[in-house]
């Protein structure tokens, strides 16, 4: 990951808005364009290979994890562990929960090219439950102690209702990570990217 910019940068979060972003828009209005936006974030990237010599640094071992070698997998260029970058797994979970929202559900269940349609109702519910718990654990692990102050109301006689979500935070350079991950995909792993007209 020597090519990834890991420094922190100021990033201003979006304010609360009644209109959706390209990532949260209703599929009834925007259809496949919403998934194209998520696809651009890299949520469908293939697995990457973690060279075996770096496994200890990531708490990965052949006793517990899948190790590929040129001897047991003709697509393995060297001994390595197929892995997924956590940032992309969590983005997948946010997107999967979005696909499961009541107003998006019919769109995805009726389109056989989307990952959301794969599996039985129980498997989809189990997968959604996994994503809820994965994100819950991540948020609790981070335990962000930044604050969200309450904005003054537009009407001076009104009651304050909204948090100031447009806060500046120190963030890593996601685009640098995304570009690196895109270049680092292992062609020996299957693609799960959806295919639809216009993508």
N, C-alpha and C. Protein backbone atom coordinates (compact mmCIF):
# COMPACT_ATOMS: atom_id res chain seq x y z
N UNK A 1 0.82 -1.20 0.00
CA UNK A 1 0.00 0.00 0.00
C UNK A 1 0.86 1.26 0.00
N UNK A 2 2.07 1.12 -0.48
CA UNK A 2 2.97 2.28 -0.47
C UNK A 2 2.47 3.41 -1.37
N UNK A 3 1.62 3.11 -2.32
CA UNK A 3 1.11 4.16 -3.20
C UNK A 3 -0.14 4.85 -2.70
N UNK A 4 -0.60 4.51 -1.49
CA UNK A 4 -1.84 5.09 -0.96
C UNK A 4 -1.51 6.27 -0.05
N UNK A 5 -2.16 7.39 -0.29
CA UNK A 5 -2.02 8.57 0.57
C UNK A 5 -2.78 8.31 1.86
N UNK A 6 -2.07 8.11 2.96
CA UNK A 6 -2.70 7.81 4.25
C UNK A 6 -2.78 9.03 5.16
N UNK A 7 -2.37 10.19 4.65
CA UNK A 7 -2.43 11.40 5.48
C UNK A 7 -3.88 11.84 5.67
N UNK A 8 -4.09 12.67 6.69
CA UNK A 8 -5.43 13.16 7.00
C UNK A 8 -5.67 14.50 6.32
N UNK A 9 -6.91 14.69 5.87
CA UNK A 9 -7.31 15.91 5.17
C UNK A 9 -8.63 16.40 5.74
N UNK A 10 -8.83 17.71 5.69
CA UNK A 10 -10.12 18.27 6.10
C UNK A 10 -11.19 17.89 5.09
N UNK A 11 -12.31 17.44 5.58
CA UNK A 11 -13.45 17.10 4.73
C UNK A 11 -14.71 17.61 5.43
N UNK A 12 -15.53 18.36 4.69
CA UNK A 12 -16.77 18.87 5.25
C UNK A 12 -17.90 17.93 4.89
N UNK A 13 -18.55 17.37 5.89
CA UNK A 13 -19.67 16.46 5.68
C UNK A 13 -20.86 17.23 5.13
N UNK A 14 -21.75 16.51 4.48
CA UNK A 14 -22.94 17.14 3.90
C UNK A 14 -23.91 17.56 5.00
N UNK A 15 -24.60 18.68 4.79
CA UNK A 15 -25.64 19.07 5.75
C UNK A 15 -26.87 18.18 5.56
N UNK A 16 -27.77 18.22 6.53
CA UNK A 16 -29.05 17.52 6.36
C UNK A 16 -29.76 18.17 5.18
N UNK A 17 -30.28 17.35 4.28
CA UNK A 17 -30.98 17.88 3.12
C UNK A 17 -32.17 17.00 2.80
N UNK A 18 -33.26 17.63 2.39
CA UNK A 18 -34.47 16.87 2.03
C UNK A 18 -34.30 16.17 0.69
N UNK A 19 -33.40 16.67 -0.15
CA UNK A 19 -33.19 16.03 -1.46
C UNK A 19 -32.04 15.03 -1.35
N UNK A 20 -32.19 13.88 -1.97
CA UNK A 20 -31.18 12.83 -1.85
C UNK A 20 -29.93 13.13 -2.69
N UNK A 21 -28.84 12.47 -2.34
CA UNK A 21 -27.63 12.52 -3.15
C UNK A 21 -27.70 11.42 -4.20
N UNK A 22 -26.71 11.34 -5.05
CA UNK A 22 -26.69 10.28 -6.06
C UNK A 22 -26.53 8.90 -5.42
N UNK A 23 -26.12 8.85 -4.16
CA UNK A 23 -25.95 7.58 -3.45
C UNK A 23 -27.20 7.16 -2.68
N UNK A 24 -28.09 8.09 -2.43
CA UNK A 24 -29.27 7.78 -1.62
C UNK A 24 -30.59 7.96 -2.37
N UNK A 25 -30.52 8.28 -3.65
CA UNK A 25 -31.73 8.54 -4.43
C UNK A 25 -32.60 7.29 -4.54
N UNK A 26 -33.88 7.50 -4.71
CA UNK A 26 -34.88 6.44 -4.86
C UNK A 26 -34.73 5.82 -6.25
N UNK A 27 -34.66 4.50 -6.32
CA UNK A 27 -34.53 3.83 -7.62
C UNK A 27 -35.76 4.04 -8.49
N UNK A 28 -36.90 4.35 -7.89
CA UNK A 28 -38.11 4.63 -8.68
C UNK A 28 -37.90 5.87 -9.55
N UNK A 29 -37.07 6.79 -9.08
CA UNK A 29 -36.79 8.02 -9.83
C UNK A 29 -35.53 7.93 -10.67
N UNK A 30 -34.50 7.22 -10.17
CA UNK A 30 -33.20 7.25 -10.83
C UNK A 30 -32.72 5.89 -11.32
N UNK A 31 -33.41 4.82 -10.99
CA UNK A 31 -33.09 3.49 -11.50
C UNK A 31 -31.64 3.08 -11.31
N UNK A 32 -31.03 2.57 -12.38
CA UNK A 32 -29.67 2.05 -12.33
C UNK A 32 -28.61 3.11 -12.05
N UNK A 33 -28.93 4.39 -12.25
CA UNK A 33 -27.94 5.45 -12.02
C UNK A 33 -27.45 5.46 -10.58
N UNK A 34 -28.31 5.07 -9.65
CA UNK A 34 -27.91 5.04 -8.24
C UNK A 34 -26.82 3.97 -8.06
N UNK A 35 -27.02 2.81 -8.65
CA UNK A 35 -26.02 1.76 -8.52
C UNK A 35 -24.75 2.08 -9.27
N UNK A 36 -24.87 2.81 -10.37
CA UNK A 36 -23.66 3.24 -11.07
C UNK A 36 -22.80 4.11 -10.15
N UNK A 37 -23.44 4.96 -9.36
CA UNK A 37 -22.69 5.81 -8.42
C UNK A 37 -21.96 4.94 -7.39
N UNK A 38 -22.64 3.93 -6.86
CA UNK A 38 -22.01 3.04 -5.88
C UNK A 38 -20.91 2.20 -6.53
N UNK A 39 -21.14 1.79 -7.76
CA UNK A 39 -20.14 1.01 -8.49
C UNK A 39 -18.84 1.80 -8.63
N UNK A 40 -18.97 3.11 -8.89
CA UNK A 40 -17.80 3.99 -9.02
C UNK A 40 -16.99 4.07 -7.72
N UNK A 41 -17.63 3.82 -6.59
CA UNK A 41 -16.91 3.83 -5.31
C UNK A 41 -16.05 2.59 -5.11
N UNK A 42 -16.25 1.56 -5.94
CA UNK A 42 -15.42 0.37 -5.85
C UNK A 42 -16.02 -0.77 -5.05
N UNK A 43 -17.32 -0.72 -4.78
CA UNK A 43 -17.91 -1.76 -3.93
C UNK A 43 -17.94 -3.13 -4.59
N UNK A 44 -17.76 -3.18 -5.91
CA UNK A 44 -17.78 -4.47 -6.60
C UNK A 44 -16.38 -4.91 -7.03
N UNK A 45 -15.35 -4.28 -6.48
CA UNK A 45 -13.99 -4.68 -6.84
C UNK A 45 -13.76 -6.14 -6.44
N UNK A 46 -12.91 -6.79 -7.21
CA UNK A 46 -12.54 -8.17 -6.91
C UNK A 46 -11.63 -8.20 -5.67
N UNK A 47 -11.42 -9.40 -5.17
CA UNK A 47 -10.49 -9.59 -4.06
C UNK A 47 -9.08 -9.14 -4.47
N UNK A 48 -8.26 -8.85 -3.47
CA UNK A 48 -6.86 -8.52 -3.69
C UNK A 48 -6.02 -9.64 -3.09
N UNK A 49 -4.74 -9.66 -3.43
CA UNK A 49 -3.84 -10.65 -2.87
C UNK A 49 -2.92 -9.99 -1.85
N UNK A 50 -2.92 -10.53 -0.64
CA UNK A 50 -1.99 -10.10 0.40
C UNK A 50 -0.81 -11.07 0.36
N UNK A 51 0.37 -10.62 -0.08
CA UNK A 51 1.52 -11.52 -0.14
C UNK A 51 1.77 -12.18 1.21
N UNK A 52 2.09 -13.46 1.18
CA UNK A 52 2.23 -14.25 2.41
C UNK A 52 3.21 -13.63 3.40
N UNK A 53 4.25 -12.96 2.91
CA UNK A 53 5.25 -12.40 3.83
C UNK A 53 4.70 -11.24 4.67
N UNK A 54 3.53 -10.68 4.29
CA UNK A 54 2.93 -9.58 5.06
C UNK A 54 1.75 -10.06 5.93
N UNK A 55 1.50 -11.34 5.93
CA UNK A 55 0.31 -11.88 6.62
C UNK A 55 0.30 -11.57 8.11
N UNK A 56 1.44 -11.71 8.78
CA UNK A 56 1.48 -11.48 10.23
C UNK A 56 1.06 -10.07 10.60
N UNK A 57 1.41 -9.09 9.79
CA UNK A 57 1.07 -7.69 10.08
C UNK A 57 -0.44 -7.47 10.08
N UNK A 58 -1.18 -8.35 9.42
CA UNK A 58 -2.64 -8.22 9.31
C UNK A 58 -3.37 -9.32 10.08
N UNK A 59 -2.64 -10.07 10.90
CA UNK A 59 -3.23 -11.15 11.69
C UNK A 59 -3.92 -12.19 10.79
N UNK A 60 -3.23 -12.57 9.73
CA UNK A 60 -3.72 -13.55 8.77
C UNK A 60 -2.78 -14.76 8.82
N UNK A 61 -3.36 -15.96 8.82
CA UNK A 61 -2.52 -17.17 8.89
C UNK A 61 -3.12 -18.28 8.04
N UNK A 62 -2.25 -19.15 7.56
CA UNK A 62 -2.68 -20.29 6.74
C UNK A 62 -3.48 -21.30 7.55
N UNK A 63 -3.37 -21.27 8.87
CA UNK A 63 -4.15 -22.18 9.71
C UNK A 63 -5.63 -21.82 9.70
N UNK A 64 -5.93 -20.57 9.41
CA UNK A 64 -7.31 -20.11 9.47
C UNK A 64 -7.83 -19.55 8.15
N UNK A 65 -6.95 -19.08 7.29
CA UNK A 65 -7.37 -18.33 6.10
C UNK A 65 -6.90 -19.00 4.81
N UNK A 66 -7.60 -18.68 3.75
CA UNK A 66 -7.34 -19.24 2.43
C UNK A 66 -6.01 -18.73 1.89
N UNK A 67 -5.10 -19.64 1.63
CA UNK A 67 -3.80 -19.33 1.05
C UNK A 67 -3.75 -19.90 -0.36
N UNK A 68 -3.44 -19.06 -1.33
CA UNK A 68 -3.27 -19.56 -2.70
C UNK A 68 -1.79 -19.50 -3.05
N UNK A 69 -1.37 -20.49 -3.81
CA UNK A 69 0.02 -20.56 -4.28
C UNK A 69 -0.02 -20.94 -5.75
N UNK A 70 1.06 -20.73 -6.48
CA UNK A 70 1.08 -21.18 -7.87
C UNK A 70 0.86 -22.69 -8.00
N UNK A 71 1.14 -23.44 -6.94
CA UNK A 71 0.96 -24.89 -6.96
C UNK A 71 -0.51 -25.29 -6.80
N UNK A 72 -1.29 -24.55 -6.01
CA UNK A 72 -2.69 -24.95 -5.80
C UNK A 72 -3.70 -24.08 -6.55
N UNK A 73 -3.21 -23.03 -7.22
CA UNK A 73 -4.11 -22.15 -7.98
C UNK A 73 -3.32 -21.54 -9.12
N UNK A 74 -3.62 -21.95 -10.33
CA UNK A 74 -2.84 -21.49 -11.48
C UNK A 74 -2.91 -19.98 -11.70
N UNK A 75 -3.91 -19.31 -11.09
CA UNK A 75 -4.03 -17.85 -11.23
C UNK A 75 -3.30 -17.09 -10.13
N UNK A 76 -2.65 -17.82 -9.22
CA UNK A 76 -1.89 -17.18 -8.14
C UNK A 76 -0.46 -16.93 -8.61
N UNK A 77 -0.03 -15.67 -8.67
CA UNK A 77 1.32 -15.39 -9.14
C UNK A 77 2.40 -15.68 -8.09
N UNK A 78 1.99 -15.78 -6.82
CA UNK A 78 2.92 -16.02 -5.71
C UNK A 78 2.07 -16.45 -4.51
N UNK A 79 2.69 -16.99 -3.45
CA UNK A 79 1.91 -17.35 -2.26
C UNK A 79 1.26 -16.10 -1.65
N UNK A 80 -0.06 -16.15 -1.50
CA UNK A 80 -0.78 -14.97 -1.03
C UNK A 80 -2.14 -15.36 -0.48
N UNK A 81 -2.70 -14.44 0.29
CA UNK A 81 -4.04 -14.62 0.86
C UNK A 81 -5.02 -13.71 0.13
N UNK A 82 -6.07 -14.26 -0.49
CA UNK A 82 -7.10 -13.40 -1.08
C UNK A 82 -7.82 -12.64 0.05
N UNK A 83 -7.91 -11.33 -0.09
CA UNK A 83 -8.51 -10.48 0.94
C UNK A 83 -9.39 -9.41 0.30
N UNK A 84 -10.25 -8.86 1.13
CA UNK A 84 -11.05 -7.70 0.75
C UNK A 84 -10.67 -6.57 1.68
N UNK A 85 -10.48 -5.38 1.15
CA UNK A 85 -10.21 -4.20 1.98
C UNK A 85 -11.47 -3.88 2.79
N UNK A 86 -11.31 -3.66 4.09
CA UNK A 86 -12.48 -3.43 4.95
C UNK A 86 -13.32 -2.24 4.51
N UNK A 87 -12.69 -1.17 4.06
CA UNK A 87 -13.46 0.01 3.64
C UNK A 87 -14.50 -0.36 2.60
N UNK A 88 -14.14 -1.26 1.69
CA UNK A 88 -15.07 -1.63 0.62
C UNK A 88 -16.14 -2.59 1.13
N UNK A 89 -15.81 -3.40 2.13
CA UNK A 89 -16.84 -4.25 2.72
C UNK A 89 -17.90 -3.39 3.41
N UNK A 90 -17.46 -2.38 4.16
CA UNK A 90 -18.43 -1.53 4.85
C UNK A 90 -19.26 -0.72 3.87
N UNK A 91 -18.65 -0.27 2.78
CA UNK A 91 -19.44 0.42 1.75
C UNK A 91 -20.44 -0.54 1.13
N UNK A 92 -20.02 -1.78 0.89
CA UNK A 92 -20.95 -2.79 0.39
C UNK A 92 -22.14 -2.91 1.33
N UNK A 93 -21.87 -2.94 2.64
CA UNK A 93 -22.96 -3.10 3.61
C UNK A 93 -23.92 -1.91 3.58
N UNK A 94 -23.39 -0.70 3.51
CA UNK A 94 -24.27 0.47 3.43
C UNK A 94 -25.13 0.37 2.17
N UNK A 95 -24.51 -0.01 1.06
CA UNK A 95 -25.26 -0.13 -0.19
C UNK A 95 -26.30 -1.26 -0.12
N UNK A 96 -25.93 -2.37 0.50
CA UNK A 96 -26.86 -3.50 0.62
C UNK A 96 -28.06 -3.11 1.47
N UNK A 97 -27.82 -2.37 2.55
CA UNK A 97 -28.94 -1.87 3.37
C UNK A 97 -29.80 -0.91 2.56
N UNK A 98 -29.16 -0.06 1.77
CA UNK A 98 -29.91 0.86 0.91
C UNK A 98 -30.80 0.08 -0.07
N UNK A 99 -30.25 -0.98 -0.66
CA UNK A 99 -31.03 -1.78 -1.59
C UNK A 99 -32.21 -2.45 -0.89
N UNK A 100 -32.07 -2.73 0.41
CA UNK A 100 -33.13 -3.38 1.16
C UNK A 100 -34.19 -2.43 1.72
N UNK A 101 -34.02 -1.12 1.52
CA UNK A 101 -35.03 -0.17 2.00
C UNK A 101 -36.37 -0.45 1.32
N UNK A 102 -37.45 -0.25 2.03
CA UNK A 102 -38.77 -0.61 1.53
C UNK A 102 -39.06 -0.01 0.16
N UNK A 103 -38.60 1.20 -0.11
CA UNK A 103 -38.91 1.83 -1.39
C UNK A 103 -37.98 1.38 -2.52
N UNK A 104 -36.92 0.65 -2.21
CA UNK A 104 -36.03 0.11 -3.24
C UNK A 104 -36.20 -1.40 -3.42
N UNK A 105 -36.86 -2.04 -2.48
CA UNK A 105 -36.90 -3.50 -2.42
C UNK A 105 -37.40 -4.13 -3.72
N UNK A 106 -38.54 -3.68 -4.23
CA UNK A 106 -39.12 -4.30 -5.43
C UNK A 106 -38.20 -4.14 -6.64
N UNK A 107 -37.55 -3.00 -6.75
CA UNK A 107 -36.64 -2.76 -7.88
C UNK A 107 -35.54 -3.81 -7.90
N UNK A 108 -34.93 -4.06 -6.75
CA UNK A 108 -33.81 -5.00 -6.71
C UNK A 108 -34.24 -6.45 -6.77
N UNK A 109 -35.36 -6.79 -6.16
CA UNK A 109 -35.81 -8.18 -6.21
C UNK A 109 -36.27 -8.57 -7.61
N UNK A 110 -36.66 -7.59 -8.42
CA UNK A 110 -37.13 -7.91 -9.78
C UNK A 110 -36.01 -7.86 -10.81
N UNK A 111 -34.80 -7.49 -10.41
CA UNK A 111 -33.69 -7.36 -11.36
C UNK A 111 -32.65 -8.43 -11.05
N UNK A 112 -32.56 -9.48 -11.89
CA UNK A 112 -31.70 -10.61 -11.58
C UNK A 112 -30.20 -10.33 -11.66
N UNK A 113 -29.78 -9.16 -12.15
CA UNK A 113 -28.35 -8.91 -12.26
C UNK A 113 -27.75 -8.35 -10.98
N UNK A 114 -28.59 -7.97 -10.02
CA UNK A 114 -28.07 -7.36 -8.81
C UNK A 114 -27.77 -8.39 -7.74
N UNK A 115 -26.72 -8.13 -6.96
CA UNK A 115 -26.30 -9.01 -5.87
C UNK A 115 -27.44 -9.21 -4.88
N UNK A 116 -28.27 -8.19 -4.70
CA UNK A 116 -29.37 -8.26 -3.74
C UNK A 116 -30.35 -9.38 -4.09
N UNK A 117 -30.44 -9.76 -5.35
CA UNK A 117 -31.40 -10.79 -5.76
C UNK A 117 -30.86 -12.20 -5.55
N UNK A 118 -29.58 -12.33 -5.25
CA UNK A 118 -28.99 -13.66 -5.10
C UNK A 118 -29.38 -14.25 -3.75
N UNK A 119 -29.94 -15.42 -3.78
CA UNK A 119 -30.26 -16.12 -2.54
C UNK A 119 -31.73 -16.09 -2.18
N UNK A 120 -32.05 -16.88 -1.17
CA UNK A 120 -33.42 -16.97 -0.68
C UNK A 120 -33.74 -15.75 0.19
N UNK A 121 -35.01 -15.61 0.54
CA UNK A 121 -35.40 -14.51 1.45
C UNK A 121 -34.62 -14.61 2.76
N UNK A 122 -34.46 -15.82 3.29
CA UNK A 122 -33.73 -15.98 4.55
C UNK A 122 -32.27 -15.56 4.38
N UNK A 123 -31.65 -15.96 3.27
CA UNK A 123 -30.25 -15.58 3.04
C UNK A 123 -30.09 -14.07 2.92
N UNK A 124 -31.04 -13.42 2.26
CA UNK A 124 -30.98 -11.96 2.14
C UNK A 124 -31.16 -11.31 3.50
N UNK A 125 -32.11 -11.81 4.30
CA UNK A 125 -32.31 -11.25 5.65
C UNK A 125 -31.08 -11.48 6.52
N UNK A 126 -30.48 -12.66 6.42
CA UNK A 126 -29.26 -12.94 7.19
C UNK A 126 -28.14 -11.99 6.77
N UNK A 127 -28.03 -11.76 5.47
CA UNK A 127 -26.99 -10.86 4.94
C UNK A 127 -27.24 -9.43 5.42
N UNK A 128 -28.50 -8.97 5.36
CA UNK A 128 -28.83 -7.64 5.87
C UNK A 128 -28.51 -7.53 7.36
N UNK A 129 -28.84 -8.57 8.12
CA UNK A 129 -28.54 -8.58 9.55
C UNK A 129 -27.04 -8.52 9.80
N UNK A 130 -26.26 -9.26 9.00
CA UNK A 130 -24.80 -9.19 9.12
C UNK A 130 -24.32 -7.77 8.90
N UNK A 131 -24.85 -7.10 7.88
CA UNK A 131 -24.41 -5.74 7.57
C UNK A 131 -24.77 -4.77 8.69
N UNK A 132 -25.96 -4.90 9.27
CA UNK A 132 -26.33 -4.05 10.40
C UNK A 132 -25.33 -4.24 11.54
N UNK A 133 -25.04 -5.50 11.87
CA UNK A 133 -24.12 -5.76 12.98
C UNK A 133 -22.69 -5.34 12.67
N UNK A 134 -22.25 -5.52 11.42
CA UNK A 134 -20.89 -5.10 11.05
C UNK A 134 -20.74 -3.59 11.22
N UNK A 135 -21.73 -2.83 10.75
CA UNK A 135 -21.67 -1.37 10.87
C UNK A 135 -21.82 -0.93 12.32
N UNK A 136 -22.70 -1.60 13.06
CA UNK A 136 -22.86 -1.28 14.49
C UNK A 136 -21.54 -1.46 15.23
N UNK A 137 -20.88 -2.59 14.99
CA UNK A 137 -19.62 -2.86 15.67
C UNK A 137 -18.54 -1.85 15.28
N UNK A 138 -18.50 -1.49 14.00
CA UNK A 138 -17.51 -0.51 13.54
C UNK A 138 -17.73 0.84 14.21
N UNK A 139 -18.97 1.29 14.26
CA UNK A 139 -19.29 2.59 14.89
C UNK A 139 -18.94 2.55 16.37
N UNK A 140 -19.27 1.45 17.03
CA UNK A 140 -18.95 1.33 18.46
C UNK A 140 -17.44 1.23 18.67
N UNK A 141 -16.73 0.57 17.76
CA UNK A 141 -15.28 0.47 17.85
C UNK A 141 -14.64 1.85 17.74
N UNK A 142 -15.12 2.64 16.77
CA UNK A 142 -14.58 3.99 16.59
C UNK A 142 -14.99 4.90 17.74
N UNK A 143 -16.21 4.74 18.25
CA UNK A 143 -16.75 5.59 19.33
C UNK A 143 -16.36 7.06 19.14
N UNK A 144 -16.77 7.61 18.03
CA UNK A 144 -16.45 9.00 17.67
C UNK A 144 -16.99 9.95 18.73
N UNK A 145 -16.12 10.76 19.30
CA UNK A 145 -16.53 11.69 20.35
C UNK A 145 -16.70 13.12 19.85
N UNK A 146 -16.63 13.32 18.53
CA UNK A 146 -16.95 14.65 18.00
C UNK A 146 -18.41 14.97 18.33
N UNK A 147 -18.76 16.24 18.29
CA UNK A 147 -20.12 16.64 18.65
C UNK A 147 -20.86 17.20 17.44
N UNK A 148 -22.19 17.14 17.50
CA UNK A 148 -23.08 17.71 16.49
C UNK A 148 -23.93 18.78 17.16
N UNK A 149 -23.54 20.05 17.04
CA UNK A 149 -24.34 21.11 17.67
C UNK A 149 -25.67 21.29 16.95
N UNK A 150 -26.61 21.93 17.62
CA UNK A 150 -27.94 22.17 17.06
C UNK A 150 -27.94 23.53 16.37
N UNK A 151 -28.44 23.57 15.15
CA UNK A 151 -28.52 24.81 14.39
C UNK A 151 -29.63 25.71 14.92
N UNK A 152 -29.42 27.01 14.82
CA UNK A 152 -30.50 27.95 15.14
C UNK A 152 -31.61 27.78 14.12
N UNK A 153 -32.86 27.93 14.52
CA UNK A 153 -33.97 27.81 13.56
C UNK A 153 -34.00 29.02 12.63
N UNK A 154 -34.54 28.82 11.41
CA UNK A 154 -34.71 29.94 10.48
C UNK A 154 -35.64 30.99 11.06
N UNK A 155 -36.66 30.53 11.74
CA UNK A 155 -37.62 31.43 12.39
C UNK A 155 -37.15 31.65 13.84
N UNK A 156 -36.81 32.92 14.19
CA UNK A 156 -36.30 33.18 15.54
C UNK A 156 -37.24 32.75 16.66
N UNK A 157 -38.53 32.61 16.36
CA UNK A 157 -39.49 32.18 17.39
C UNK A 157 -39.65 30.66 17.40
N UNK A 158 -39.04 30.00 16.44
CA UNK A 158 -39.18 28.55 16.33
C UNK A 158 -38.26 27.80 17.27
N UNK A 159 -38.45 26.49 17.30
CA UNK A 159 -37.66 25.61 18.15
C UNK A 159 -36.54 24.99 17.32
N UNK A 160 -35.29 24.98 17.80
CA UNK A 160 -34.21 24.33 17.05
C UNK A 160 -34.49 22.84 16.86
N UNK A 161 -34.31 22.37 15.63
CA UNK A 161 -34.66 20.98 15.31
C UNK A 161 -33.51 20.17 14.73
N UNK A 162 -32.58 20.83 14.04
CA UNK A 162 -31.61 20.08 13.25
C UNK A 162 -30.19 20.19 13.78
N UNK A 163 -29.50 19.07 13.74
CA UNK A 163 -28.07 19.08 14.05
C UNK A 163 -27.32 19.73 12.90
N UNK A 164 -26.17 20.28 13.21
CA UNK A 164 -25.27 20.81 12.17
C UNK A 164 -24.40 19.65 11.70
N UNK A 165 -24.86 18.97 10.66
CA UNK A 165 -24.12 17.82 10.12
C UNK A 165 -22.97 18.25 9.22
N UNK A 166 -22.97 19.49 8.75
CA UNK A 166 -21.94 19.99 7.84
C UNK A 166 -20.69 20.37 8.64
N UNK A 167 -20.11 19.37 9.25
CA UNK A 167 -18.94 19.57 10.12
C UNK A 167 -17.67 19.16 9.40
N UNK A 168 -16.58 19.83 9.72
CA UNK A 168 -15.28 19.48 9.15
C UNK A 168 -14.67 18.37 10.01
N UNK A 169 -14.23 17.31 9.33
CA UNK A 169 -13.57 16.20 10.03
C UNK A 169 -12.24 15.92 9.33
N UNK A 170 -11.36 15.28 10.05
CA UNK A 170 -10.10 14.82 9.49
C UNK A 170 -10.33 13.44 8.89
N UNK A 171 -10.13 13.31 7.60
CA UNK A 171 -10.43 12.06 6.89
C UNK A 171 -9.24 11.62 6.05
N UNK A 172 -9.15 10.33 5.85
CA UNK A 172 -8.15 9.80 4.93
C UNK A 172 -8.59 10.05 3.50
N UNK A 173 -7.67 9.89 2.59
CA UNK A 173 -7.93 10.14 1.17
C UNK A 173 -8.55 8.88 0.55
N UNK A 174 -9.87 8.81 0.53
CA UNK A 174 -10.54 7.62 0.01
C UNK A 174 -10.23 7.41 -1.47
N UNK A 175 -10.17 8.47 -2.25
CA UNK A 175 -9.93 8.32 -3.69
C UNK A 175 -8.57 7.69 -3.95
N UNK A 176 -7.58 8.02 -3.15
CA UNK A 176 -6.27 7.40 -3.29
C UNK A 176 -6.36 5.90 -3.01
N UNK A 177 -7.08 5.53 -1.96
CA UNK A 177 -7.28 4.11 -1.64
C UNK A 177 -8.07 3.41 -2.74
N UNK A 178 -9.11 4.05 -3.26
CA UNK A 178 -9.94 3.44 -4.30
C UNK A 178 -9.11 3.15 -5.56
N UNK A 179 -8.29 4.11 -5.97
CA UNK A 179 -7.46 3.93 -7.16
C UNK A 179 -6.49 2.77 -6.95
N UNK A 180 -5.87 2.74 -5.77
CA UNK A 180 -4.93 1.65 -5.47
C UNK A 180 -5.65 0.30 -5.49
N UNK A 181 -6.82 0.24 -4.86
CA UNK A 181 -7.58 -1.01 -4.81
C UNK A 181 -8.03 -1.45 -6.20
N UNK A 182 -8.41 -0.49 -7.03
CA UNK A 182 -8.82 -0.83 -8.40
C UNK A 182 -7.67 -1.48 -9.15
N UNK A 183 -6.48 -0.95 -9.01
CA UNK A 183 -5.30 -1.49 -9.69
C UNK A 183 -4.85 -2.81 -9.08
N UNK A 184 -5.22 -3.07 -7.84
CA UNK A 184 -4.72 -4.23 -7.11
C UNK A 184 -5.67 -5.43 -7.14
N UNK A 185 -6.72 -5.36 -7.93
CA UNK A 185 -7.68 -6.47 -7.99
C UNK A 185 -7.00 -7.72 -8.54
N UNK A 186 -7.33 -8.85 -7.94
CA UNK A 186 -6.81 -10.14 -8.40
C UNK A 186 -7.75 -10.70 -9.45
N UNK A 187 -7.25 -10.86 -10.63
CA UNK A 187 -8.08 -11.35 -11.73
C UNK A 187 -8.49 -12.81 -11.54
N UNK A 188 -7.89 -13.49 -10.57
CA UNK A 188 -8.26 -14.86 -10.28
C UNK A 188 -9.52 -15.00 -9.45
N UNK A 189 -10.07 -13.88 -8.98
CA UNK A 189 -11.32 -13.94 -8.21
C UNK A 189 -12.48 -13.52 -9.09
N UNK A 190 -13.67 -14.05 -8.83
CA UNK A 190 -14.82 -13.73 -9.69
C UNK A 190 -15.31 -12.30 -9.49
N UNK A 191 -15.90 -11.76 -10.54
CA UNK A 191 -16.51 -10.44 -10.46
C UNK A 191 -17.95 -10.59 -10.00
N UNK A 192 -18.39 -9.68 -9.11
CA UNK A 192 -19.79 -9.69 -8.67
C UNK A 192 -20.51 -8.43 -9.12
N UNK A 193 -19.87 -7.66 -10.01
CA UNK A 193 -20.47 -6.40 -10.46
C UNK A 193 -21.74 -6.67 -11.24
N UNK A 194 -22.81 -5.89 -10.97
CA UNK A 194 -24.05 -6.06 -11.73
C UNK A 194 -23.88 -5.52 -13.15
N UNK A 195 -24.64 -6.08 -14.05
CA UNK A 195 -24.62 -5.60 -15.43
C UNK A 195 -26.04 -5.18 -15.79
N UNK A 196 -26.16 -3.97 -16.28
CA UNK A 196 -27.46 -3.48 -16.71
C UNK A 196 -27.24 -2.54 -17.88
N UNK A 197 -28.25 -2.29 -18.68
CA UNK A 197 -28.08 -1.41 -19.83
C UNK A 197 -27.53 -0.06 -19.39
N UNK A 198 -26.49 0.40 -20.09
CA UNK A 198 -25.93 1.71 -19.80
C UNK A 198 -24.78 1.69 -18.81
N UNK A 199 -24.45 0.52 -18.25
CA UNK A 199 -23.34 0.52 -17.28
C UNK A 199 -22.04 0.10 -17.95
